Amino acid sequence: MSNQRHYSTADRLLLQADTALRTLLPFNGQASRMSPATLEDSAPLDAAEARHVAGLMRINHTGEVCAQALYQGQALTAKLPAIRSAMEEAAEEEIDHLAWCEQRIRELSSHTSVLNPAFYGLSFGIGALAGLVSDRVSLGFVAATEEQVVKHLDEHLSDIPATDRKSRAILEQMRKDEAAHASNALHAGGHVFPRPIKFGMTLLSKVMTKTTYRI
């Protein structure tokens, strides 16, 4: 007999509200894993380097806000319990990424993006809509989104000073997790999106990165 608890729609909405608050309120997300930066020593950054790295980490933090919202929206409307469970599990890993990025941003004497609530709401709606269409489309959207995230992380890893081992350690672990999410989504039956749709997603991601680098 399964011990998995079955939540009502009202329960799920309350859980979604709690997750949104944990995602958007400063220092409210609790990581389940220790930050990879904890084990690293970094050489001091000059003022210009610190501002640049903080901007990159702010982009990554907002990306994790979007991913968290996407997973939560998909979990709310997923058809199969197994898919819903997978979405919720992936969302928990995104909380780790959120906490790690925010901690590093604060260490660099900067701030997370003020646009995060807007990006959360947009991503949640997209995720919920994808889940309503079908679990296969929902999983495909996860795979395509995570592929975009991996590309951003690769770009940032090549841009961050080699001496900033703390930021690099965080991004390297995030890259491993995001690549695994993409692979798992496809193996679970996710639809492989055509190039035109992926191109449109790339354009949207560029809007996010340009706006959140500074604000």
N, C-alpha and C. Protein backbone atom coordinates (compact mmCIF):
# COMPACT_ATOMS: atom_id res chain seq x y z
N MET A 1 0.85 -1.20 0.00
CA MET A 1 0.00 0.00 0.00
C MET A 1 0.88 1.25 0.00
N SER A 2 0.55 2.21 -0.84
CA SER A 2 1.35 3.43 -0.93
C SER A 2 1.09 4.33 0.27
N ASN A 3 2.18 4.94 0.78
CA ASN A 3 2.06 5.88 1.90
C ASN A 3 2.07 7.33 1.42
N GLN A 4 2.04 7.49 0.11
CA GLN A 4 2.06 8.85 -0.45
C GLN A 4 0.77 9.58 -0.10
N ARG A 5 0.92 10.78 0.43
CA ARG A 5 -0.23 11.57 0.83
C ARG A 5 -0.87 12.20 -0.39
N HIS A 6 -2.20 12.21 -0.41
CA HIS A 6 -2.93 12.82 -1.51
C HIS A 6 -3.48 14.18 -1.04
N TYR A 7 -3.09 15.23 -1.75
CA TYR A 7 -3.49 16.58 -1.37
C TYR A 7 -4.70 17.03 -2.18
N SER A 8 -5.57 17.80 -1.51
CA SER A 8 -6.69 18.38 -2.22
C SER A 8 -6.20 19.59 -3.01
N THR A 9 -7.06 20.13 -3.87
CA THR A 9 -6.69 21.31 -4.65
C THR A 9 -6.37 22.48 -3.73
N ALA A 10 -7.16 22.64 -2.67
CA ALA A 10 -6.91 23.73 -1.72
C ALA A 10 -5.56 23.56 -1.04
N ASP A 11 -5.23 22.31 -0.66
CA ASP A 11 -3.93 22.04 -0.05
C ASP A 11 -2.80 22.42 -0.99
N ARG A 12 -2.96 22.05 -2.25
CA ARG A 12 -1.90 22.33 -3.22
C ARG A 12 -1.73 23.83 -3.45
N LEU A 13 -2.83 24.56 -3.45
CA LEU A 13 -2.74 26.01 -3.62
C LEU A 13 -2.02 26.66 -2.44
N LEU A 14 -2.30 26.17 -1.24
CA LEU A 14 -1.61 26.68 -0.06
C LEU A 14 -0.12 26.36 -0.11
N LEU A 15 0.21 25.16 -0.55
CA LEU A 15 1.60 24.78 -0.69
C LEU A 15 2.31 25.64 -1.74
N GLN A 16 1.59 25.95 -2.81
CA GLN A 16 2.16 26.81 -3.85
C GLN A 16 2.44 28.20 -3.30
N ALA A 17 1.52 28.72 -2.49
CA ALA A 17 1.71 30.05 -1.90
C ALA A 17 2.92 30.04 -0.96
N ASP A 18 3.06 28.97 -0.18
CA ASP A 18 4.20 28.86 0.72
C ASP A 18 5.51 28.80 -0.07
N THR A 19 5.52 28.03 -1.15
CA THR A 19 6.72 27.92 -1.98
C THR A 19 7.07 29.26 -2.62
N ALA A 20 6.06 29.98 -3.07
CA ALA A 20 6.31 31.30 -3.68
C ALA A 20 6.98 32.24 -2.67
N LEU A 21 6.50 32.21 -1.44
CA LEU A 21 7.09 33.07 -0.41
C LEU A 21 8.52 32.64 -0.11
N ARG A 22 8.76 31.34 -0.02
CA ARG A 22 10.12 30.85 0.23
C ARG A 22 11.06 31.22 -0.91
N THR A 23 10.53 31.29 -2.11
CA THR A 23 11.34 31.61 -3.27
C THR A 23 11.65 33.10 -3.36
N LEU A 24 10.69 33.93 -3.04
CA LEU A 24 10.81 35.37 -3.32
C LEU A 24 11.29 36.20 -2.13
N LEU A 25 11.03 35.75 -0.90
CA LEU A 25 11.46 36.54 0.25
C LEU A 25 12.95 36.33 0.51
N PRO A 26 13.70 37.39 0.79
CA PRO A 26 15.15 37.26 1.02
C PRO A 26 15.47 36.31 2.17
N PHE A 27 16.45 35.47 1.96
CA PHE A 27 16.95 34.54 2.97
C PHE A 27 15.87 33.62 3.53
N ASN A 28 14.85 33.33 2.73
CA ASN A 28 13.76 32.48 3.21
C ASN A 28 13.86 31.05 2.68
N GLY A 29 14.64 30.85 1.62
CA GLY A 29 14.82 29.51 1.09
C GLY A 29 15.94 28.79 1.82
N GLN A 30 15.66 27.62 2.34
CA GLN A 30 16.65 26.86 3.09
C GLN A 30 17.20 25.73 2.23
N ALA A 31 18.51 25.77 1.98
CA ALA A 31 19.14 24.73 1.16
C ALA A 31 19.24 23.43 1.94
N SER A 32 19.01 22.32 1.26
CA SER A 32 19.16 21.01 1.89
C SER A 32 20.58 20.49 1.77
N ARG A 33 21.37 21.11 0.86
CA ARG A 33 22.77 20.74 0.69
C ARG A 33 23.66 21.94 0.99
N MET A 34 24.84 21.66 1.51
CA MET A 34 25.80 22.72 1.79
C MET A 34 26.24 23.37 0.49
N SER A 35 26.43 24.67 0.51
CA SER A 35 26.87 25.37 -0.67
C SER A 35 28.27 24.89 -1.08
N PRO A 36 28.47 24.61 -2.37
CA PRO A 36 29.81 24.22 -2.84
C PRO A 36 30.87 25.28 -2.56
N ALA A 37 30.43 26.54 -2.43
CA ALA A 37 31.38 27.63 -2.17
C ALA A 37 32.03 27.51 -0.80
N THR A 38 31.39 26.80 0.11
CA THR A 38 31.89 26.70 1.48
C THR A 38 33.27 26.07 1.52
N LEU A 39 33.55 25.18 0.60
CA LEU A 39 34.81 24.44 0.61
C LEU A 39 35.91 25.13 -0.20
N GLU A 40 35.60 26.32 -0.73
CA GLU A 40 36.55 27.01 -1.60
C GLU A 40 37.03 28.32 -0.97
N ASP A 41 38.27 28.67 -1.31
CA ASP A 41 38.83 29.97 -0.96
C ASP A 41 39.01 30.77 -2.25
N SER A 42 38.57 32.02 -2.24
CA SER A 42 38.69 32.86 -3.42
C SER A 42 39.57 34.05 -3.12
N ALA A 43 40.35 34.45 -4.13
CA ALA A 43 41.13 35.68 -3.99
C ALA A 43 40.17 36.87 -4.02
N PRO A 44 40.48 37.94 -3.31
CA PRO A 44 39.59 39.11 -3.32
C PRO A 44 39.40 39.66 -4.73
N LEU A 45 38.18 40.10 -5.02
CA LEU A 45 37.86 40.71 -6.31
C LEU A 45 37.93 42.22 -6.17
N ASP A 46 38.37 42.89 -7.24
CA ASP A 46 38.31 44.35 -7.18
C ASP A 46 36.86 44.79 -7.38
N ALA A 47 36.60 46.09 -7.24
CA ALA A 47 35.22 46.59 -7.24
C ALA A 47 34.50 46.26 -8.55
N ALA A 48 35.19 46.43 -9.68
CA ALA A 48 34.57 46.17 -10.98
C ALA A 48 34.27 44.68 -11.15
N GLU A 49 35.19 43.83 -10.74
CA GLU A 49 34.97 42.39 -10.84
C GLU A 49 33.82 41.95 -9.95
N ALA A 50 33.76 42.49 -8.74
CA ALA A 50 32.69 42.12 -7.81
C ALA A 50 31.32 42.51 -8.37
N ARG A 51 31.23 43.71 -8.98
CA ARG A 51 29.95 44.14 -9.57
C ARG A 51 29.56 43.22 -10.72
N HIS A 52 30.54 42.86 -11.55
CA HIS A 52 30.25 42.01 -12.69
C HIS A 52 29.81 40.61 -12.26
N VAL A 53 30.54 40.02 -11.33
CA VAL A 53 30.18 38.68 -10.86
C VAL A 53 28.83 38.70 -10.17
N ALA A 54 28.57 39.76 -9.38
CA ALA A 54 27.27 39.88 -8.72
C ALA A 54 26.15 39.95 -9.75
N GLY A 55 26.39 40.67 -10.86
CA GLY A 55 25.38 40.73 -11.92
C GLY A 55 25.13 39.38 -12.54
N LEU A 56 26.18 38.61 -12.77
CA LEU A 56 26.02 37.27 -13.34
C LEU A 56 25.29 36.35 -12.36
N MET A 57 25.64 36.44 -11.09
CA MET A 57 24.98 35.59 -10.10
C MET A 57 23.53 36.01 -9.91
N ARG A 58 23.24 37.31 -10.10
CA ARG A 58 21.85 37.77 -10.02
C ARG A 58 21.03 37.17 -11.17
N ILE A 59 21.64 37.11 -12.37
CA ILE A 59 20.97 36.45 -13.49
C ILE A 59 20.66 35.00 -13.15
N ASN A 60 21.65 34.31 -12.60
CA ASN A 60 21.45 32.90 -12.26
C ASN A 60 20.41 32.71 -11.16
N HIS A 61 20.39 33.63 -10.22
CA HIS A 61 19.38 33.56 -9.15
C HIS A 61 17.98 33.72 -9.74
N THR A 62 17.81 34.70 -10.63
CA THR A 62 16.50 34.90 -11.25
C THR A 62 16.13 33.70 -12.12
N GLY A 63 17.12 33.11 -12.77
CA GLY A 63 16.86 31.90 -13.54
C GLY A 63 16.33 30.78 -12.67
N GLU A 64 16.84 30.69 -11.46
CA GLU A 64 16.36 29.67 -10.53
C GLU A 64 14.97 30.01 -10.01
N VAL A 65 14.68 31.29 -9.85
CA VAL A 65 13.32 31.71 -9.49
C VAL A 65 12.34 31.25 -10.57
N CYS A 66 12.73 31.46 -11.83
CA CYS A 66 11.88 31.05 -12.96
C CYS A 66 11.72 29.53 -12.98
N ALA A 67 12.82 28.81 -12.76
CA ALA A 67 12.75 27.34 -12.78
C ALA A 67 11.86 26.82 -11.65
N GLN A 68 11.99 27.43 -10.47
CA GLN A 68 11.15 27.02 -9.34
C GLN A 68 9.68 27.22 -9.67
N ALA A 69 9.36 28.38 -10.23
CA ALA A 69 7.97 28.67 -10.59
C ALA A 69 7.47 27.74 -11.68
N LEU A 70 8.32 27.46 -12.64
CA LEU A 70 7.95 26.56 -13.73
C LEU A 70 7.60 25.17 -13.19
N TYR A 71 8.46 24.65 -12.34
CA TYR A 71 8.21 23.32 -11.77
C TYR A 71 6.95 23.31 -10.92
N GLN A 72 6.74 24.36 -10.14
CA GLN A 72 5.56 24.40 -9.27
C GLN A 72 4.28 24.48 -10.10
N GLY A 73 4.32 25.29 -11.16
CA GLY A 73 3.15 25.37 -12.03
C GLY A 73 2.85 24.05 -12.70
N GLN A 74 3.89 23.34 -13.14
CA GLN A 74 3.70 22.04 -13.78
C GLN A 74 3.21 21.00 -12.79
N ALA A 75 3.74 21.04 -11.58
CA ALA A 75 3.30 20.08 -10.56
C ALA A 75 1.83 20.25 -10.24
N LEU A 76 1.35 21.51 -10.29
CA LEU A 76 -0.04 21.79 -9.96
C LEU A 76 -0.99 21.16 -10.98
N THR A 77 -0.58 21.13 -12.25
CA THR A 77 -1.50 20.67 -13.30
C THR A 77 -1.10 19.34 -13.94
N ALA A 78 -0.03 18.71 -13.44
CA ALA A 78 0.41 17.43 -14.01
C ALA A 78 -0.69 16.38 -13.89
N LYS A 79 -0.80 15.56 -14.91
CA LYS A 79 -1.84 14.52 -14.93
C LYS A 79 -1.47 13.30 -14.09
N LEU A 80 -0.23 12.83 -14.20
CA LEU A 80 0.19 11.61 -13.54
C LEU A 80 0.89 11.92 -12.22
N PRO A 81 0.57 11.18 -11.14
CA PRO A 81 1.22 11.42 -9.85
C PRO A 81 2.74 11.31 -9.92
N ALA A 82 3.26 10.38 -10.74
CA ALA A 82 4.71 10.20 -10.84
C ALA A 82 5.37 11.45 -11.44
N ILE A 83 4.72 12.06 -12.42
CA ILE A 83 5.25 13.29 -13.03
C ILE A 83 5.20 14.43 -12.02
N ARG A 84 4.09 14.53 -11.30
CA ARG A 84 3.96 15.58 -10.28
C ARG A 84 5.06 15.43 -9.23
N SER A 85 5.32 14.20 -8.80
CA SER A 85 6.35 13.95 -7.80
C SER A 85 7.73 14.34 -8.32
N ALA A 86 8.00 14.03 -9.59
CA ALA A 86 9.29 14.36 -10.18
C ALA A 86 9.48 15.87 -10.25
N MET A 87 8.41 16.59 -10.60
CA MET A 87 8.48 18.05 -10.67
C MET A 87 8.78 18.64 -9.28
N GLU A 88 8.11 18.12 -8.27
CA GLU A 88 8.29 18.63 -6.92
C GLU A 88 9.69 18.34 -6.40
N GLU A 89 10.23 17.17 -6.76
CA GLU A 89 11.59 16.82 -6.34
C GLU A 89 12.62 17.75 -7.00
N ALA A 90 12.43 18.01 -8.29
CA ALA A 90 13.34 18.92 -8.99
C ALA A 90 13.25 20.32 -8.40
N ALA A 91 12.05 20.73 -8.02
CA ALA A 91 11.87 22.06 -7.44
C ALA A 91 12.66 22.20 -6.14
N GLU A 92 12.75 21.13 -5.37
CA GLU A 92 13.52 21.19 -4.12
C GLU A 92 14.99 21.44 -4.41
N GLU A 93 15.52 20.85 -5.47
CA GLU A 93 16.92 21.11 -5.83
C GLU A 93 17.11 22.56 -6.25
N GLU A 94 16.09 23.13 -6.90
CA GLU A 94 16.19 24.52 -7.30
C GLU A 94 16.26 25.45 -6.08
N ILE A 95 15.65 25.04 -4.97
CA ILE A 95 15.74 25.83 -3.73
C ILE A 95 17.19 25.91 -3.28
N ASP A 96 17.93 24.79 -3.41
CA ASP A 96 19.36 24.81 -3.08
C ASP A 96 20.07 25.86 -3.92
N HIS A 97 19.82 25.85 -5.22
CA HIS A 97 20.47 26.80 -6.12
C HIS A 97 20.12 28.23 -5.75
N LEU A 98 18.86 28.46 -5.43
CA LEU A 98 18.44 29.80 -5.02
C LEU A 98 19.23 30.29 -3.81
N ALA A 99 19.31 29.44 -2.80
CA ALA A 99 19.99 29.81 -1.56
C ALA A 99 21.48 30.04 -1.80
N TRP A 100 22.10 29.18 -2.59
CA TRP A 100 23.54 29.34 -2.87
C TRP A 100 23.81 30.64 -3.60
N CYS A 101 23.02 30.93 -4.64
CA CYS A 101 23.22 32.15 -5.41
C CYS A 101 22.99 33.39 -4.56
N GLU A 102 21.93 33.37 -3.77
CA GLU A 102 21.63 34.54 -2.94
C GLU A 102 22.74 34.78 -1.93
N GLN A 103 23.24 33.71 -1.32
CA GLN A 103 24.33 33.87 -0.35
C GLN A 103 25.56 34.50 -1.01
N ARG A 104 25.89 34.04 -2.22
CA ARG A 104 27.06 34.59 -2.90
C ARG A 104 26.83 36.04 -3.30
N ILE A 105 25.62 36.37 -3.73
CA ILE A 105 25.30 37.76 -4.10
C ILE A 105 25.48 38.67 -2.89
N ARG A 106 25.02 38.24 -1.73
CA ARG A 106 25.15 39.06 -0.52
C ARG A 106 26.62 39.21 -0.13
N GLU A 107 27.41 38.13 -0.32
CA GLU A 107 28.84 38.21 -0.02
C GLU A 107 29.53 39.25 -0.90
N LEU A 108 28.99 39.45 -2.08
CA LEU A 108 29.54 40.43 -3.02
C LEU A 108 28.93 41.82 -2.82
N SER A 109 28.20 41.98 -1.72
CA SER A 109 27.59 43.26 -1.33
C SER A 109 26.61 43.77 -2.39
N SER A 110 25.81 42.85 -2.94
CA SER A 110 24.83 43.23 -3.94
C SER A 110 23.46 42.70 -3.54
N HIS A 111 22.54 42.66 -4.48
CA HIS A 111 21.15 42.34 -4.19
C HIS A 111 20.55 41.46 -5.28
N THR A 112 19.50 40.75 -4.94
CA THR A 112 18.77 39.97 -5.94
C THR A 112 17.87 40.91 -6.75
N SER A 113 17.35 40.41 -7.86
CA SER A 113 16.60 41.27 -8.77
C SER A 113 15.23 41.65 -8.22
N VAL A 114 14.87 42.92 -8.38
CA VAL A 114 13.55 43.39 -7.96
C VAL A 114 12.47 42.88 -8.90
N LEU A 115 12.87 42.33 -10.04
CA LEU A 115 11.92 41.83 -11.03
C LEU A 115 11.51 40.38 -10.77
N ASN A 116 12.05 39.77 -9.74
CA ASN A 116 11.79 38.35 -9.49
C ASN A 116 10.30 38.01 -9.35
N PRO A 117 9.50 38.80 -8.66
CA PRO A 117 8.07 38.45 -8.57
C PRO A 117 7.39 38.38 -9.93
N ALA A 118 7.73 39.30 -10.83
CA ALA A 118 7.12 39.29 -12.16
C ALA A 118 7.55 38.05 -12.94
N PHE A 119 8.83 37.72 -12.87
CA PHE A 119 9.32 36.53 -13.58
C PHE A 119 8.75 35.26 -12.97
N TYR A 120 8.55 35.24 -11.65
CA TYR A 120 7.96 34.06 -11.01
C TYR A 120 6.53 33.85 -11.52
N GLY A 121 5.74 34.92 -11.53
CA GLY A 121 4.36 34.79 -11.98
C GLY A 121 4.25 34.34 -13.42
N LEU A 122 5.09 34.91 -14.29
CA LEU A 122 5.08 34.52 -15.70
C LEU A 122 5.47 33.06 -15.87
N SER A 123 6.52 32.64 -15.19
CA SER A 123 7.00 31.26 -15.33
C SER A 123 6.00 30.26 -14.75
N PHE A 124 5.36 30.62 -13.64
CA PHE A 124 4.35 29.74 -13.04
C PHE A 124 3.21 29.52 -14.02
N GLY A 125 2.77 30.61 -14.66
CA GLY A 125 1.68 30.48 -15.62
C GLY A 125 2.05 29.62 -16.81
N ILE A 126 3.28 29.78 -17.31
CA ILE A 126 3.74 28.95 -18.43
C ILE A 126 3.79 27.49 -18.03
N GLY A 127 4.31 27.23 -16.83
CA GLY A 127 4.40 25.85 -16.35
C GLY A 127 3.04 25.20 -16.18
N ALA A 128 2.11 25.95 -15.60
CA ALA A 128 0.76 25.41 -15.40
C ALA A 128 0.08 25.14 -16.74
N LEU A 129 0.27 26.04 -17.70
CA LEU A 129 -0.31 25.85 -19.03
C LEU A 129 0.28 24.61 -19.72
N ALA A 130 1.59 24.44 -19.61
CA ALA A 130 2.23 23.26 -20.21
C ALA A 130 1.69 21.98 -19.60
N GLY A 131 1.49 21.99 -18.27
CA GLY A 131 0.96 20.81 -17.60
C GLY A 131 -0.47 20.51 -18.02
N LEU A 132 -1.24 21.55 -18.30
CA LEU A 132 -2.61 21.35 -18.75
C LEU A 132 -2.66 20.72 -20.14
N VAL A 133 -1.69 21.07 -20.98
CA VAL A 133 -1.67 20.52 -22.34
C VAL A 133 -1.43 19.02 -22.28
N SER A 134 -0.34 18.62 -21.66
CA SER A 134 -0.03 17.20 -21.48
C SER A 134 1.24 17.06 -20.67
N ASP A 135 1.41 15.91 -20.03
CA ASP A 135 2.64 15.67 -19.28
C ASP A 135 3.84 15.59 -20.21
N ARG A 136 3.64 15.09 -21.41
CA ARG A 136 4.74 14.96 -22.37
C ARG A 136 5.25 16.34 -22.79
N VAL A 137 4.33 17.27 -23.04
CA VAL A 137 4.72 18.64 -23.38
C VAL A 137 5.38 19.30 -22.17
N SER A 138 4.83 19.06 -20.99
CA SER A 138 5.37 19.64 -19.77
C SER A 138 6.82 19.20 -19.56
N LEU A 139 7.07 17.90 -19.72
CA LEU A 139 8.42 17.38 -19.56
C LEU A 139 9.35 17.92 -20.65
N GLY A 140 8.84 18.04 -21.86
CA GLY A 140 9.64 18.59 -22.94
C GLY A 140 10.03 20.03 -22.67
N PHE A 141 9.11 20.78 -22.06
CA PHE A 141 9.40 22.17 -21.72
C PHE A 141 10.50 22.24 -20.67
N VAL A 142 10.46 21.31 -19.70
CA VAL A 142 11.53 21.25 -18.70
C VAL A 142 12.87 21.02 -19.37
N ALA A 143 12.92 20.03 -20.27
CA ALA A 143 14.17 19.70 -20.94
C ALA A 143 14.71 20.90 -21.73
N ALA A 144 13.83 21.56 -22.48
CA ALA A 144 14.26 22.70 -23.29
C ALA A 144 14.72 23.87 -22.41
N THR A 145 14.01 24.09 -21.31
CA THR A 145 14.38 25.17 -20.40
C THR A 145 15.73 24.90 -19.75
N GLU A 146 15.92 23.68 -19.29
CA GLU A 146 17.19 23.34 -18.63
C GLU A 146 18.36 23.40 -19.61
N GLU A 147 18.12 23.10 -20.87
CA GLU A 147 19.17 23.23 -21.87
C GLU A 147 19.59 24.69 -22.00
N GLN A 148 18.61 25.60 -21.93
CA GLN A 148 18.92 27.03 -21.97
C GLN A 148 19.74 27.43 -20.75
N VAL A 149 19.37 26.91 -19.59
CA VAL A 149 20.08 27.24 -18.36
C VAL A 149 21.52 26.77 -18.43
N VAL A 150 21.74 25.56 -18.93
CA VAL A 150 23.10 25.02 -19.04
C VAL A 150 23.95 25.92 -19.94
N LYS A 151 23.37 26.42 -21.04
CA LYS A 151 24.11 27.31 -21.93
C LYS A 151 24.52 28.60 -21.20
N HIS A 152 23.59 29.16 -20.43
CA HIS A 152 23.91 30.35 -19.66
C HIS A 152 25.03 30.08 -18.66
N LEU A 153 24.95 28.96 -17.99
CA LEU A 153 25.97 28.62 -16.99
C LEU A 153 27.33 28.44 -17.64
N ASP A 154 27.37 27.83 -18.81
CA ASP A 154 28.64 27.68 -19.52
C ASP A 154 29.23 29.04 -19.86
N GLU A 155 28.36 29.95 -20.32
CA GLU A 155 28.84 31.30 -20.65
C GLU A 155 29.38 32.01 -19.42
N HIS A 156 28.69 31.88 -18.31
CA HIS A 156 29.11 32.55 -17.09
C HIS A 156 30.40 31.95 -16.52
N LEU A 157 30.53 30.64 -16.64
CA LEU A 157 31.75 29.99 -16.16
C LEU A 157 32.97 30.45 -16.95
N SER A 158 32.77 30.77 -18.22
CA SER A 158 33.88 31.25 -19.03
C SER A 158 34.16 32.72 -18.78
N ASP A 159 33.22 33.43 -18.14
CA ASP A 159 33.32 34.87 -17.94
C ASP A 159 33.77 35.24 -16.53
N ILE A 160 33.49 34.38 -15.58
CA ILE A 160 33.85 34.67 -14.19
C ILE A 160 35.36 34.53 -14.01
N PRO A 161 36.01 35.44 -13.27
CA PRO A 161 37.46 35.33 -13.06
C PRO A 161 37.85 33.96 -12.51
N ALA A 162 38.95 33.43 -13.00
CA ALA A 162 39.40 32.11 -12.57
C ALA A 162 39.69 32.07 -11.08
N THR A 163 40.04 33.24 -10.52
CA THR A 163 40.36 33.30 -9.10
C THR A 163 39.13 33.25 -8.20
N ASP A 164 37.94 33.47 -8.79
CA ASP A 164 36.71 33.44 -7.99
C ASP A 164 36.20 32.00 -7.92
N ARG A 165 36.86 31.21 -7.10
CA ARG A 165 36.54 29.79 -7.02
C ARG A 165 35.21 29.54 -6.31
N LYS A 166 34.78 30.45 -5.47
CA LYS A 166 33.50 30.28 -4.78
C LYS A 166 32.33 30.30 -5.79
N SER A 167 32.29 31.34 -6.61
CA SER A 167 31.21 31.45 -7.60
C SER A 167 31.29 30.30 -8.61
N ARG A 168 32.50 29.95 -9.03
CA ARG A 168 32.66 28.88 -10.00
C ARG A 168 32.17 27.55 -9.44
N ALA A 169 32.44 27.28 -8.17
CA ALA A 169 32.01 26.02 -7.56
C ALA A 169 30.49 25.91 -7.53
N ILE A 170 29.83 27.02 -7.24
CA ILE A 170 28.37 27.04 -7.23
C ILE A 170 27.82 26.75 -8.63
N LEU A 171 28.34 27.45 -9.62
CA LEU A 171 27.83 27.29 -10.98
C LEU A 171 28.12 25.91 -11.55
N GLU A 172 29.26 25.35 -11.20
CA GLU A 172 29.59 24.01 -11.69
C GLU A 172 28.62 22.97 -11.15
N GLN A 173 28.27 23.07 -9.85
CA GLN A 173 27.31 22.12 -9.29
C GLN A 173 25.92 22.35 -9.86
N MET A 174 25.55 23.61 -10.04
CA MET A 174 24.26 23.90 -10.66
C MET A 174 24.19 23.31 -12.06
N ARG A 175 25.28 23.42 -12.82
CA ARG A 175 25.29 22.88 -14.17
C ARG A 175 25.04 21.38 -14.17
N LYS A 176 25.66 20.68 -13.24
CA LYS A 176 25.46 19.23 -13.15
C LYS A 176 23.99 18.91 -12.86
N ASP A 177 23.40 19.64 -11.92
CA ASP A 177 22.00 19.39 -11.55
C ASP A 177 21.06 19.70 -12.71
N GLU A 178 21.28 20.83 -13.38
CA GLU A 178 20.37 21.24 -14.46
C GLU A 178 20.47 20.28 -15.64
N ALA A 179 21.68 19.84 -15.96
CA ALA A 179 21.84 18.87 -17.05
C ALA A 179 21.12 17.57 -16.72
N ALA A 180 21.18 17.17 -15.45
CA ALA A 180 20.48 15.95 -15.03
C ALA A 180 18.97 16.12 -15.14
N HIS A 181 18.45 17.31 -14.80
CA HIS A 181 17.01 17.57 -14.92
C HIS A 181 16.56 17.45 -16.37
N ALA A 182 17.36 18.00 -17.29
CA ALA A 182 17.01 17.93 -18.71
C ALA A 182 17.00 16.49 -19.19
N SER A 183 18.03 15.75 -18.82
CA SER A 183 18.12 14.34 -19.25
C SER A 183 16.98 13.52 -18.67
N ASN A 184 16.67 13.72 -17.40
CA ASN A 184 15.60 12.96 -16.76
C ASN A 184 14.24 13.25 -17.40
N ALA A 185 14.02 14.52 -17.77
CA ALA A 185 12.75 14.90 -18.38
C ALA A 185 12.56 14.20 -19.73
N LEU A 186 13.62 14.13 -20.52
CA LEU A 186 13.53 13.46 -21.81
C LEU A 186 13.35 11.96 -21.65
N HIS A 187 14.07 11.37 -20.70
CA HIS A 187 13.95 9.93 -20.47
C HIS A 187 12.57 9.55 -19.94
N ALA A 188 11.91 10.50 -19.28
CA ALA A 188 10.57 10.24 -18.74
C ALA A 188 9.49 10.38 -19.81
N GLY A 189 9.90 10.72 -21.04
CA GLY A 189 8.93 10.81 -22.13
C GLY A 189 8.68 12.20 -22.63
N GLY A 190 9.54 13.15 -22.26
CA GLY A 190 9.35 14.52 -22.68
C GLY A 190 9.45 14.70 -24.19
N HIS A 191 8.62 15.58 -24.71
CA HIS A 191 8.61 15.89 -26.14
C HIS A 191 9.83 16.74 -26.49
N VAL A 192 10.55 16.38 -27.55
CA VAL A 192 11.69 17.17 -28.00
C VAL A 192 11.17 18.35 -28.82
N PHE A 193 11.33 19.55 -28.30
CA PHE A 193 10.79 20.74 -28.97
C PHE A 193 11.57 21.04 -30.26
N PRO A 194 10.89 21.51 -31.30
CA PRO A 194 11.57 21.89 -32.55
C PRO A 194 12.40 23.15 -32.36
N ARG A 195 13.33 23.38 -33.29
CA ARG A 195 14.25 24.51 -33.18
C ARG A 195 13.56 25.87 -33.11
N PRO A 196 12.50 26.12 -33.89
CA PRO A 196 11.86 27.45 -33.80
C PRO A 196 11.36 27.78 -32.39
N ILE A 197 10.80 26.79 -31.70
CA ILE A 197 10.34 27.03 -30.34
C ILE A 197 11.52 27.29 -29.41
N LYS A 198 12.59 26.52 -29.58
CA LYS A 198 13.78 26.72 -28.75
C LYS A 198 14.39 28.10 -29.02
N PHE A 199 14.32 28.54 -30.27
CA PHE A 199 14.83 29.87 -30.60
C PHE A 199 14.02 30.95 -29.90
N GLY A 200 12.70 30.77 -29.87
CA GLY A 200 11.85 31.72 -29.16
C GLY A 200 12.15 31.75 -27.67
N MET A 201 12.42 30.58 -27.10
CA MET A 201 12.78 30.52 -25.68
C MET A 201 14.11 31.22 -25.43
N THR A 202 15.03 31.11 -26.40
CA THR A 202 16.33 31.79 -26.27
C THR A 202 16.14 33.31 -26.24
N LEU A 203 15.26 33.81 -27.09
CA LEU A 203 14.99 35.25 -27.12
C LEU A 203 14.41 35.73 -25.79
N LEU A 204 13.48 34.94 -25.24
CA LEU A 204 12.88 35.31 -23.95
C LEU A 204 13.93 35.30 -22.84
N SER A 205 14.83 34.31 -22.89
CA SER A 205 15.86 34.23 -21.85
C SER A 205 16.81 35.42 -21.94
N LYS A 206 17.04 35.93 -23.14
CA LYS A 206 17.91 37.10 -23.31
C LYS A 206 17.27 38.34 -22.67
N VAL A 207 15.95 38.43 -22.76
CA VAL A 207 15.25 39.54 -22.10
C VAL A 207 15.49 39.48 -20.59
N MET A 208 15.38 38.28 -20.04
CA MET A 208 15.59 38.10 -18.60
C MET A 208 17.02 38.47 -18.20
N THR A 209 18.00 38.00 -18.96
CA THR A 209 19.39 38.25 -18.58
C THR A 209 19.76 39.73 -18.69
N LYS A 210 19.25 40.40 -19.73
CA LYS A 210 19.57 41.81 -19.92
C LYS A 210 18.98 42.68 -18.81
N THR A 211 17.78 42.34 -18.37
CA THR A 211 17.11 43.18 -17.37
C THR A 211 17.58 42.91 -15.96
N THR A 212 17.96 41.68 -15.66
CA THR A 212 18.31 41.36 -14.27
C THR A 212 19.78 41.52 -13.96
N TYR A 213 20.63 41.74 -14.96
CA TYR A 213 22.07 41.91 -14.69
C TYR A 213 22.30 43.08 -13.73
N ARG A 214 21.52 44.14 -13.92
CA ARG A 214 21.71 45.33 -13.07
C ARG A 214 20.59 45.53 -12.03
N ILE A 215 19.37 45.10 -12.35
CA ILE A 215 18.26 45.37 -11.43
C ILE A 215 17.59 44.08 -10.99
